[in-house]
Amino acid sequence: MQPLTEQEIRASFVNASKREVAQASLPDLGALDWNRLEYLGWRDAKRPLGYAVVEVDGVARGVILRTAPPPAALAGRRRRAICAWCEDPVETEDVTLQVAKRAGAAGRKGDTIGTLICTAYGCSDNVRRKPTFSELGSDDPADRERFVERRIAGLRERSSGFVAQVLGTA
């Protein structure tokens, strides 16, 4: 992912009001390893919100995400799930349903779209982890490298596809 400034991040949000954009807390941009990010995702320290900035057709597009509350029947119980973005079968403990208001008139009417995403937005690390033998079926380093490259490409495709759905262009 290309490094972004605070101004570029704030200007990227497609499903937020000016007030929401101004109130958004940002991560420490200087501490990020941009070369190891397929998207920039973080939790708001003050509010129950998440943010994701994803490149869609070469343009940074940001979305505000809200964590959907679990159904009453599941309150207090942790359920395992696979993140729809990184599809990591190992990191299944910290995946939640996150909902984004759609961009434009649809969002102003209350239309939303949701998906299961890693709560801490660790997808870029997850796709880079060494695959297990059962995932890969090989110990060959070249096979591992190709496997990780496919996972990285898949993360980019799925995260940008979700943002395109928020935009209404998918």
Protein backbone atom coordinates (compact mmCIF):
# COMPACT_ATOMS: atom_id res chain seq x y z
CA MET A 1 0.00 0.00 0.00
CA GLN A 2 1.21 3.51 -0.77
CA PRO A 3 1.94 5.65 2.33
CA LEU A 4 -0.83 8.13 3.10
CA THR A 5 -0.90 11.39 5.03
CA GLU A 6 -3.51 12.31 7.61
CA GLN A 7 -5.17 14.62 5.09
CA GLU A 8 -5.28 11.90 2.41
CA ILE A 9 -6.80 9.44 4.87
CA ARG A 10 -9.48 11.88 6.02
CA ALA A 11 -10.30 12.79 2.40
CA SER A 12 -10.63 9.11 1.45
CA PHE A 13 -13.77 8.31 3.48
CA VAL A 14 -16.73 7.55 1.25
CA ASN A 15 -19.42 6.70 3.81
CA ALA A 16 -18.91 9.36 6.45
CA SER A 17 -20.12 12.85 7.24
CA LYS A 18 -17.68 15.72 7.62
CA ARG A 19 -18.23 15.53 11.37
CA GLU A 20 -17.46 11.79 11.49
CA VAL A 21 -14.29 12.34 9.46
CA ALA A 22 -13.14 15.17 11.73
CA GLN A 23 -13.76 13.07 14.87
CA ALA A 24 -11.96 9.99 13.58
CA SER A 25 -8.87 9.06 15.56
CA LEU A 26 -5.95 8.03 13.38
CA PRO A 27 -3.16 5.53 14.04
CA ASP A 28 0.48 6.56 14.37
CA LEU A 29 1.26 6.80 10.65
CA GLY A 30 5.01 7.02 11.22
CA ALA A 31 5.05 3.63 12.97
CA LEU A 32 3.44 1.75 10.07
CA ASP A 33 5.33 -0.54 7.69
CA TRP A 34 3.41 0.49 4.58
CA ASN A 35 5.19 -2.15 2.45
CA ARG A 36 3.52 -4.89 4.51
CA LEU A 37 -0.03 -3.50 4.35
CA GLU A 38 -2.68 -4.38 1.80
CA TYR A 39 -5.04 -1.95 3.51
CA LEU A 40 -4.87 0.35 6.51
CA GLY A 41 -7.24 -0.69 9.27
CA TRP A 42 -7.57 0.44 12.89
CA ARG A 43 -9.99 0.67 15.81
CA ASP A 44 -11.09 3.99 17.29
CA ALA A 45 -9.76 4.32 20.84
CA LYS A 46 -12.72 6.43 21.96
CA ARG A 47 -15.70 4.98 20.10
CA PRO A 48 -16.83 1.51 19.02
CA LEU A 49 -15.81 2.17 15.43
CA GLY A 50 -13.29 0.75 13.02
CA TYR A 51 -11.78 2.28 9.93
CA ALA A 52 -10.36 0.72 6.78
CA VAL A 53 -8.63 2.52 3.93
CA VAL A 54 -8.32 0.33 0.84
CA GLU A 55 -6.98 1.02 -2.63
CA VAL A 56 -9.81 0.64 -5.17
CA ASP A 57 -8.71 1.06 -8.77
CA GLY A 58 -5.55 2.79 -7.54
CA VAL A 59 -7.41 5.32 -5.35
CA ALA A 60 -7.48 5.24 -1.55
CA ARG A 61 -11.06 4.76 -0.33
CA GLY A 62 -11.89 4.76 3.36
CA VAL A 63 -14.90 3.31 5.14
CA ILE A 64 -16.16 3.59 8.69
CA LEU A 65 -17.18 0.25 10.17
CA ARG A 66 -19.34 -0.54 13.16
CA THR A 67 -19.11 -3.84 14.99
CA ALA A 68 -22.49 -5.50 14.96
CA PRO A 69 -23.63 -6.68 18.39
CA PRO A 70 -23.90 -10.47 18.73
CA PRO A 71 -27.39 -11.99 18.81
CA ALA A 72 -28.82 -12.15 22.34
CA ALA A 73 -28.61 -15.96 22.30
CA LEU A 74 -24.82 -15.72 21.85
CA ALA A 75 -24.11 -12.92 24.33
CA GLY A 76 -21.02 -13.68 26.38
CA ARG A 77 -19.95 -16.60 24.19
CA ARG A 78 -17.11 -16.34 21.71
CA ARG A 79 -17.72 -17.94 18.31
CA ARG A 80 -15.01 -18.80 15.86
CA ALA A 81 -15.26 -17.43 12.34
CA ILE A 82 -13.05 -16.97 9.30
CA CYS A 83 -12.38 -13.42 8.15
CA ALA A 84 -13.91 -12.78 4.73
CA TRP A 85 -10.92 -10.63 3.76
CA CYS A 86 -7.83 -12.66 4.73
CA GLU A 87 -9.58 -16.05 4.91
CA ASP A 88 -7.07 -17.21 7.54
CA PRO A 89 -8.13 -20.57 8.99
CA VAL A 90 -5.75 -20.19 11.96
CA GLU A 91 -6.77 -16.78 13.36
CA THR A 92 -10.47 -17.39 13.98
CA GLU A 93 -10.87 -16.15 17.56
CA ASP A 94 -10.97 -12.41 16.89
CA VAL A 95 -13.31 -12.07 13.90
CA THR A 96 -16.48 -9.99 14.14
CA LEU A 97 -19.34 -8.93 11.93
CA GLN A 98 -18.62 -5.37 10.87
CA VAL A 99 -21.13 -3.18 9.11
CA ALA A 100 -20.52 -0.19 6.85
CA LYS A 101 -23.08 2.39 5.83
CA ARG A 102 -23.29 2.55 2.03
CA ALA A 103 -21.98 5.66 0.32
CA GLY A 104 -24.24 8.40 -1.00
CA ALA A 105 -28.03 8.47 -1.00
CA ALA A 106 -28.31 4.76 -0.16
CA GLY A 107 -26.33 5.28 3.05
CA ARG A 108 -28.34 8.34 4.00
CA LYS A 109 -31.47 6.15 3.73
CA GLY A 110 -29.87 3.65 6.11
CA ASP A 111 -28.62 0.98 3.70
CA THR A 112 -25.66 -0.97 5.05
CA ILE A 113 -23.45 -3.87 4.08
CA GLY A 114 -21.65 -6.19 6.47
CA THR A 115 -18.93 -8.80 6.46
CA LEU A 116 -16.79 -10.79 8.87
CA ILE A 117 -13.42 -9.06 9.39
CA CYS A 118 -10.54 -9.51 11.82
CA THR A 119 -11.47 -7.22 14.72
CA ALA A 120 -7.92 -5.86 15.07
CA TYR A 121 -7.47 -5.59 11.27
CA GLY A 122 -4.47 -7.94 11.30
CA CYS A 123 -5.24 -9.38 7.88
CA SER A 124 -1.95 -8.24 6.31
CA ASP A 125 0.00 -10.16 8.96
CA ASN A 126 -2.29 -13.17 8.66
CA VAL A 127 -1.78 -13.59 4.91
CA ARG A 128 2.00 -13.40 5.39
CA ARG A 129 2.27 -16.07 8.09
CA LYS A 130 4.02 -19.29 7.16
CA PRO A 131 1.36 -21.70 5.88
CA THR A 132 0.86 -24.97 7.69
CA PHE A 133 1.74 -28.19 5.91
CA SER A 134 -1.95 -29.07 5.70
CA GLU A 135 -2.70 -25.77 3.94
CA LEU A 136 0.15 -26.11 1.46
CA GLY A 137 0.88 -29.85 1.21
CA SER A 138 4.56 -29.11 0.65
CA ASP A 139 7.73 -28.02 2.42
CA ASP A 140 9.14 -26.36 -0.70
CA PRO A 141 10.06 -22.69 0.00
CA ALA A 142 9.06 -21.69 -3.55
CA ASP A 143 5.61 -23.21 -3.01
CA ARG A 144 5.32 -21.30 0.28
CA GLU A 145 6.25 -18.04 -1.43
CA ARG A 146 3.67 -18.54 -4.20
CA PHE A 147 1.03 -19.50 -1.61
CA VAL A 148 1.64 -16.30 0.38
CA GLU A 149 1.60 -14.20 -2.80
CA ARG A 150 -1.80 -15.68 -3.72
CA ARG A 151 -3.11 -14.94 -0.22
CA ILE A 152 -1.89 -11.33 -0.47
CA ALA A 153 -3.55 -10.90 -3.88
CA GLY A 154 -6.77 -12.42 -2.51
CA LEU A 155 -6.80 -10.03 0.44
CA ARG A 156 -6.39 -7.06 -1.89
CA GLU A 157 -9.17 -8.31 -4.14
CA ARG A 158 -11.66 -9.08 -1.36
CA SER A 159 -11.06 -5.91 0.67
CA SER A 160 -11.31 -3.67 -2.41
CA GLY A 161 -14.40 -5.60 -3.52
CA PHE A 162 -16.10 -4.86 -0.21
CA VAL A 163 -15.32 -1.15 -0.50
CA ALA A 164 -16.59 -1.19 -4.09
CA GLN A 165 -19.87 -2.61 -2.73
CA VAL A 166 -20.01 0.22 -0.18
CA LEU A 167 -19.53 2.65 -3.07
CA GLY A 168 -22.20 0.87 -5.11
CA THR A 169 -19.81 0.21 -7.99
CA ALA A 170 -19.62 -3.58 -7.62
